[in-house]
Amino acid sequence: MSDGEDKSKEDFPLPPPPPGLTIPPLPTPPPPQDVAIEEESEPDLEVQDSDVDDDFKSAWAKRRAENPDLSSDKRDQMYGHIDRIATGEVGTLLDRFSDRFGSELDREIIVLRKKQQKEMRDIKPTVELISSPETDYEEEIDYEEELDESGSELEAESTSEDNDENQFVEFFSVVNDLLGSMPDDFVNSFVESDDFTLFQSVGNDPKETDEEARKEFFLMINRVLGDLPDDKINEFVESPGFTIFQSMGEIYGA
């Protein structure tokens, strides 16, 4: 057979395979040797977390620099208040908002100054009365009786003032505990009001509060207690503190 006939046979297509016979797929050609397959690397999560932490710290530091009032003390007070609620020991109104009254040192200085002022008022000059030789004995007796009566009156007035002071201190303690047991919405509203300034002033030293401030304080508390829920009012009326409230009303409610 000639070469021309062989080439013509190669040009014809191959006959189809017999029925039922499948031809396996051709093998995949190998990849080029010069191409390197890169392995996928896992992202560095620790570095990202570190970047997030650094961003948070820098943002928090910037915020504290803009607002110095933000401190860990208030955060501790918040968690401390949550702990007191969980244990049932909510505390008084001054306990719950002690950060609004300044530091303990400031309050001690105020109390110390008021005590010093009271001691200065208590110091009285000693006056020695020298009777003339012509003074009659009966006049001396009358004078001594007048002194005794004056001393008795002064002692009675002093005792009455001391009782009023002690009752007012007890009255403030009752009101402080009562308002401290109120819901947060009521307490926050009271703290943000103008009445809280007077409450703060009296709370620094109730015993040394003057007569005018006590009267103003009682009238303010009487008005604030009128806004309490009915169940809280009923509880207060049935408590021993209501008797003290009535006594203060007779003295400062007029």
Protein backbone atom coordinates (compact mmCIF):
# COMPACT_ATOMS: atom_id res chain seq x y z
CA MET A 1 0.00 0.00 0.00
CA SER A 2 1.36 3.40 -0.90
CA ASP A 3 1.96 6.31 1.41
CA GLY A 4 -0.84 8.29 -0.22
CA GLU A 5 -3.42 5.69 0.66
CA ASP A 6 -2.23 5.58 4.32
CA LYS A 7 -2.61 9.33 4.70
CA SER A 8 -6.12 9.26 3.22
CA LYS A 9 -7.19 6.60 5.74
CA GLU A 10 -5.88 8.67 8.64
CA ASP A 11 -8.12 11.55 7.60
CA PHE A 12 -11.30 9.53 8.11
CA PRO A 13 -12.84 9.64 11.65
CA LEU A 14 -12.63 6.63 13.91
CA PRO A 15 -15.67 4.36 14.00
CA PRO A 16 -17.98 4.72 17.03
CA PRO A 17 -17.42 2.33 19.95
CA PRO A 18 -19.68 -0.69 20.29
CA PRO A 19 -22.91 -0.21 22.28
CA GLY A 20 -22.52 -0.55 26.07
CA LEU A 21 -18.84 0.34 26.04
CA THR A 22 -17.81 3.66 27.70
CA ILE A 23 -14.55 5.37 27.06
CA PRO A 24 -12.77 6.58 30.23
CA PRO A 25 -11.96 10.33 30.37
CA LEU A 26 -8.56 11.46 29.38
CA PRO A 27 -6.14 12.08 32.28
CA THR A 28 -5.66 15.68 33.44
CA PRO A 29 -2.42 17.11 32.16
CA PRO A 30 0.10 17.88 34.91
CA PRO A 31 0.56 21.56 35.83
CA PRO A 32 3.56 23.41 34.53
CA GLN A 33 6.63 22.96 36.64
CA ASP A 34 7.35 26.68 36.82
CA VAL A 35 4.03 27.58 38.48
CA ALA A 36 4.07 27.29 42.34
CA ILE A 37 0.83 26.76 44.25
CA GLU A 38 0.51 29.22 47.11
CA GLU A 39 -0.87 27.92 50.39
CA GLU A 40 -3.70 29.93 51.96
CA SER A 41 -2.60 31.54 55.21
CA GLU A 42 -4.98 32.05 58.11
CA PRO A 43 -5.49 35.67 59.15
CA ASP A 44 -3.65 36.78 62.22
CA LEU A 45 -6.59 37.12 64.59
CA GLU A 46 -4.42 38.00 67.55
CA VAL A 47 -2.98 41.01 65.76
CA GLN A 48 -6.46 42.19 64.79
CA ASP A 49 -7.71 41.74 68.35
CA SER A 50 -4.74 43.66 69.61
CA ASP A 51 -5.48 46.48 67.16
CA VAL A 52 -9.11 46.60 68.35
CA ASP A 53 -8.02 46.73 71.99
CA ASP A 54 -5.59 49.53 71.23
CA ASP A 55 -8.29 51.47 69.38
CA PHE A 56 -10.70 51.05 72.32
CA LYS A 57 -8.09 52.13 74.88
CA SER A 58 -7.13 55.17 72.84
CA ALA A 59 -10.80 56.13 72.36
CA TRP A 60 -11.51 55.71 76.08
CA ALA A 61 -8.41 57.74 77.01
CA LYS A 62 -9.50 60.48 74.62
CA ARG A 63 -13.00 60.50 76.08
CA ARG A 64 -11.68 60.73 79.66
CA ALA A 65 -9.39 63.57 78.60
CA GLU A 66 -12.36 65.47 77.16
CA ASN A 67 -14.55 64.74 80.19
CA PRO A 68 -12.57 64.43 83.45
CA ASP A 69 -15.75 63.43 85.32
CA LEU A 70 -15.51 59.96 83.75
CA SER A 71 -13.56 57.84 86.22
CA SER A 72 -13.47 54.37 87.66
CA ASP A 73 -14.96 55.74 90.91
CA LYS A 74 -18.35 56.28 89.32
CA ARG A 75 -18.17 52.85 87.73
CA ASP A 76 -17.42 51.35 91.15
CA GLN A 77 -20.31 53.30 92.67
CA MET A 78 -22.65 52.01 89.97
CA TYR A 79 -21.68 48.39 90.57
CA GLY A 80 -21.77 49.01 94.32
CA HIS A 81 -25.35 50.26 94.03
CA ILE A 82 -26.25 47.15 92.01
CA ASP A 83 -24.75 44.97 94.75
CA ARG A 84 -26.76 46.83 97.42
CA ILE A 85 -29.97 46.30 95.45
CA ALA A 86 -29.20 42.59 95.09
CA THR A 87 -28.67 42.22 98.84
CA GLY A 88 -31.67 44.38 99.77
CA GLU A 89 -29.49 47.14 101.27
CA VAL A 90 -30.37 50.07 99.03
CA GLY A 91 -29.06 52.66 101.48
CA THR A 92 -30.10 56.22 102.21
CA LEU A 93 -30.47 59.00 99.69
CA LEU A 94 -27.11 60.48 100.68
CA ASP A 95 -25.46 57.05 100.42
CA ARG A 96 -26.79 56.51 96.91
CA PHE A 97 -25.64 59.92 95.71
CA SER A 98 -22.67 60.66 97.95
CA ASP A 99 -20.57 61.69 94.96
CA ARG A 100 -22.75 64.78 94.54
CA PHE A 101 -21.79 66.11 97.98
CA GLY A 102 -18.04 66.42 97.53
CA SER A 103 -15.34 64.47 99.30
CA GLU A 104 -15.38 63.31 102.90
CA LEU A 105 -12.64 65.82 103.66
CA ASP A 106 -14.82 68.71 102.47
CA ARG A 107 -17.68 67.62 104.71
CA GLU A 108 -15.33 67.20 107.69
CA ILE A 109 -14.00 70.73 107.15
CA ILE A 110 -17.54 72.14 107.05
CA VAL A 111 -18.52 70.29 110.22
CA LEU A 112 -15.31 71.38 111.98
CA ARG A 113 -15.88 75.02 111.08
CA LYS A 114 -19.43 74.93 112.36
CA LYS A 115 -18.29 73.34 115.62
CA GLN A 116 -15.67 76.05 116.04
CA GLN A 117 -18.30 78.74 115.45
CA LYS A 118 -20.56 77.14 118.04
CA GLU A 119 -17.71 77.02 120.56
CA MET A 120 -17.02 80.71 119.98
CA ARG A 121 -20.67 81.53 120.60
CA ASP A 122 -20.65 79.49 123.80
CA ILE A 123 -17.73 81.46 125.20
CA LYS A 124 -19.14 84.26 127.32
CA PRO A 125 -17.18 86.90 129.25
CA THR A 126 -17.26 86.56 133.02
CA VAL A 127 -18.72 89.63 134.69
CA GLU A 128 -18.05 90.05 138.40
CA LEU A 129 -20.57 92.18 140.24
CA ILE A 130 -19.19 94.07 143.21
CA SER A 131 -21.81 95.39 145.58
CA SER A 132 -21.26 98.70 147.27
CA PRO A 133 -21.04 98.73 151.06
CA GLU A 134 -24.36 100.57 151.25
CA THR A 135 -26.25 97.75 149.46
CA ASP A 136 -29.06 96.49 151.61
CA TYR A 137 -29.26 92.80 152.46
CA GLU A 138 -32.81 92.54 151.11
CA GLU A 139 -31.74 93.98 147.79
CA GLU A 140 -29.07 91.30 147.58
CA ILE A 141 -31.68 88.61 148.20
CA ASP A 142 -33.97 90.04 145.51
CA TYR A 143 -31.09 90.21 143.08
CA GLU A 144 -30.15 86.58 143.76
CA GLU A 145 -33.75 85.51 143.24
CA GLU A 146 -33.86 87.33 139.93
CA LEU A 147 -30.67 85.61 138.89
CA ASP A 148 -32.10 82.24 139.86
CA GLU A 149 -35.27 82.89 137.87
CA SER A 150 -33.29 84.10 134.87
CA GLY A 151 -31.02 81.08 135.11
CA SER A 152 -34.00 78.73 135.27
CA GLU A 153 -35.57 80.35 132.23
CA LEU A 154 -32.33 80.18 130.27
CA GLU A 155 -31.86 76.55 131.27
CA ALA A 156 -35.41 75.71 130.19
CA GLU A 157 -34.92 77.47 126.87
CA SER A 158 -31.59 75.71 126.34
CA THR A 159 -33.16 72.32 127.12
CA SER A 160 -36.00 73.02 124.70
CA GLU A 161 -33.56 74.02 121.96
CA ASP A 162 -31.50 70.87 122.54
CA ASN A 163 -34.63 68.73 122.26
CA ASP A 164 -35.62 70.46 119.03
CA GLU A 165 -32.12 69.95 117.62
CA ASN A 166 -32.13 66.26 118.49
CA GLN A 167 -35.61 65.80 117.04
CA PHE A 168 -34.62 67.57 113.83
CA VAL A 169 -31.55 65.37 113.43
CA GLU A 170 -33.75 62.31 113.87
CA PHE A 171 -36.28 63.78 111.44
CA PHE A 172 -33.62 64.23 108.76
CA SER A 173 -32.48 60.63 109.26
CA VAL A 174 -36.06 59.40 108.79
CA VAL A 175 -36.52 61.44 105.61
CA ASN A 176 -33.12 60.39 104.28
CA ASP A 177 -33.95 56.71 104.72
CA LEU A 178 -37.43 57.16 103.26
CA LEU A 179 -36.28 58.92 100.09
CA GLY A 180 -33.42 56.47 99.72
CA SER A 181 -35.92 53.60 99.47
CA MET A 182 -37.82 55.20 96.59
CA PRO A 183 -37.55 53.94 92.98
CA ASP A 184 -34.70 55.26 90.86
CA ASP A 185 -36.99 57.39 88.69
CA PHE A 186 -38.31 59.27 91.72
CA VAL A 187 -34.85 59.68 93.26
CA ASN A 188 -33.26 60.90 90.02
CA SER A 189 -36.04 63.45 89.55
CA PHE A 190 -35.54 64.74 93.10
CA VAL A 191 -31.75 64.93 92.77
CA GLU A 192 -32.04 66.98 89.59
CA SER A 193 -34.51 69.42 91.16
CA ASP A 194 -33.73 72.66 93.02
CA ASP A 195 -34.94 71.07 96.28
CA PHE A 196 -31.90 68.82 96.35
CA THR A 197 -29.61 71.81 97.01
CA LEU A 198 -31.41 72.52 100.28
CA PHE A 199 -31.38 68.81 101.12
CA GLN A 200 -27.62 68.75 100.57
CA SER A 201 -27.06 71.84 102.73
CA VAL A 202 -29.06 70.46 105.65
CA GLY A 203 -27.52 67.02 105.26
CA ASN A 204 -24.02 68.35 105.86
CA ASP A 205 -24.84 69.02 109.53
CA PRO A 206 -28.53 68.84 110.51
CA LYS A 207 -27.84 69.72 114.15
CA GLU A 208 -26.24 73.07 113.29
CA THR A 209 -28.98 74.13 110.85
CA ASP A 210 -30.61 77.42 111.84
CA GLU A 211 -34.31 77.91 112.52
CA GLU A 212 -35.15 79.44 109.15
CA ALA A 213 -33.43 76.66 107.18
CA ARG A 214 -35.21 74.00 109.26
CA LYS A 215 -38.60 75.52 108.53
CA GLU A 216 -37.81 75.75 104.82
CA PHE A 217 -36.56 72.16 104.86
CA PHE A 218 -39.72 70.84 106.55
CA LEU A 219 -42.03 72.64 104.10
CA MET A 220 -40.01 71.27 101.18
CA ILE A 221 -40.09 67.70 102.52
CA ASN A 222 -43.82 67.98 103.22
CA ARG A 223 -44.37 68.94 99.57
CA VAL A 224 -42.07 66.22 98.21
CA LEU A 225 -43.68 63.50 100.32
CA GLY A 226 -47.02 64.47 98.82
CA ASP A 227 -45.73 63.23 95.45
CA LEU A 228 -44.92 59.75 96.77
CA PRO A 229 -46.94 56.75 95.55
CA ASP A 230 -49.95 55.91 97.70
CA ASP A 231 -48.48 52.65 98.96
CA LYS A 232 -45.30 54.44 100.13
CA ILE A 233 -47.34 57.13 101.88
CA ASN A 234 -49.39 54.49 103.70
CA GLU A 235 -46.23 52.70 104.80
CA PHE A 236 -44.76 55.95 106.11
CA VAL A 237 -47.94 56.90 108.00
CA GLU A 238 -47.89 53.54 109.77
CA SER A 239 -44.17 53.77 110.62
CA PRO A 240 -42.64 55.26 113.82
CA GLY A 241 -41.07 58.02 111.73
CA PHE A 242 -44.48 59.58 111.11
CA THR A 243 -44.71 60.57 114.78
CA ILE A 244 -41.47 62.54 114.42
CA PHE A 245 -42.84 64.08 111.23
CA GLN A 246 -45.93 65.28 113.13
CA SER A 247 -43.76 66.75 115.90
CA MET A 248 -41.70 68.67 113.37
CA GLY A 249 -44.92 69.89 111.76
CA GLU A 250 -46.03 71.43 115.06
CA ILE A 251 -42.72 73.29 115.37
CA TYR A 252 -41.81 74.23 111.80
CA GLY A 253 -45.03 73.71 109.85
CA ALA A 254 -46.73 76.94 110.91
